[in-house]
Protein backbone atom coordinates (compact mmCIF):
# COMPACT_ATOMS: atom_id res chain seq x y z
CA UNK A 1 72.20 140.05 134.25
CA UNK A 2 74.00 138.10 131.45
CA UNK A 3 71.90 136.06 129.02
CA UNK A 4 72.55 132.66 129.03
CA UNK A 5 74.41 133.00 132.61
CA UNK A 6 72.05 130.31 134.69
CA UNK A 7 72.99 127.71 132.54
CA UNK A 8 76.80 127.72 133.78
CA UNK A 9 75.98 128.90 137.37
CA UNK A 10 78.11 126.88 139.93
CA UNK A 11 80.13 125.47 137.08
CA UNK A 12 83.87 125.80 138.18
CA UNK A 13 86.63 124.64 136.22
CA UNK A 14 90.13 124.54 137.39
CA UNK A 15 93.76 123.61 135.84
CA UNK A 16 93.82 120.65 137.25
CA UNK A 17 90.92 119.77 135.65
CA UNK A 18 92.10 120.90 131.92
CA UNK A 19 95.20 118.58 132.73
CA UNK A 20 93.00 115.52 133.83
CA UNK A 21 91.01 115.97 130.61
CA UNK A 22 94.51 116.01 128.86
CA UNK A 23 95.68 113.46 129.82
CA UNK A 24 92.43 111.35 129.45
CA UNK A 25 92.40 112.43 125.82
CA UNK A 26 96.35 110.89 125.16
CA UNK A 27 95.23 107.66 127.11
CA UNK A 28 92.65 106.92 124.35
CA UNK A 29 94.66 108.02 121.46
CA UNK A 30 97.42 105.64 122.80
CA UNK A 31 94.91 103.18 122.90
CA UNK A 32 93.39 103.23 119.24
CA UNK A 33 96.70 103.91 117.57
CA UNK A 34 97.91 100.04 120.20
CA UNK A 35 95.06 98.50 117.97
CA UNK A 36 95.13 100.23 114.84
CA UNK A 37 98.94 100.11 114.17
CA UNK A 38 98.94 96.25 113.53
CA UNK A 39 95.85 96.61 110.82
CA UNK A 40 98.34 98.19 108.46
CA UNK A 41 101.10 95.71 108.96
CA UNK A 42 98.46 92.72 109.03
CA UNK A 43 95.87 94.07 106.04
CA UNK A 44 97.00 92.91 102.11
CA UNK A 45 97.00 95.93 98.90
CA UNK A 46 95.55 92.84 97.03
CA UNK A 47 92.93 90.61 97.72
CA UNK A 48 94.46 87.06 97.09
CA UNK A 49 92.48 86.17 93.97
CA UNK A 50 91.65 88.65 90.91
CA UNK A 51 88.42 90.23 91.14
CA UNK A 52 87.32 88.36 87.86
CA UNK A 53 88.67 86.35 84.57
CA UNK A 54 89.78 89.48 82.75
CA UNK A 55 91.55 91.05 85.89
CA UNK A 56 94.52 88.32 85.34
CA UNK A 57 95.18 89.18 81.84
CA UNK A 58 97.92 91.37 80.82
CA UNK A 59 95.68 93.05 77.62
CA UNK A 60 95.71 96.81 77.55
CA UNK A 61 91.46 97.22 76.04
CA UNK A 62 91.08 100.92 74.82
CA UNK A 63 88.05 103.20 76.51
CA UNK A 64 86.12 103.13 73.59
CA UNK A 65 86.07 99.42 73.16
């Protein structure tokens, strides 16, 4: 007897089960895409205000200072 074979006793999987699982995964991916796609257009790259007063200036300060 093969060790661990009793774990899968009575477990039968067919081609239809694989097709069903693939369809379910594709459906979940479609739902996630529909939910996440608007976020690319609604989220902004920068905040409405600067994080500090210095961020509004164009002064270049060397790293060592």
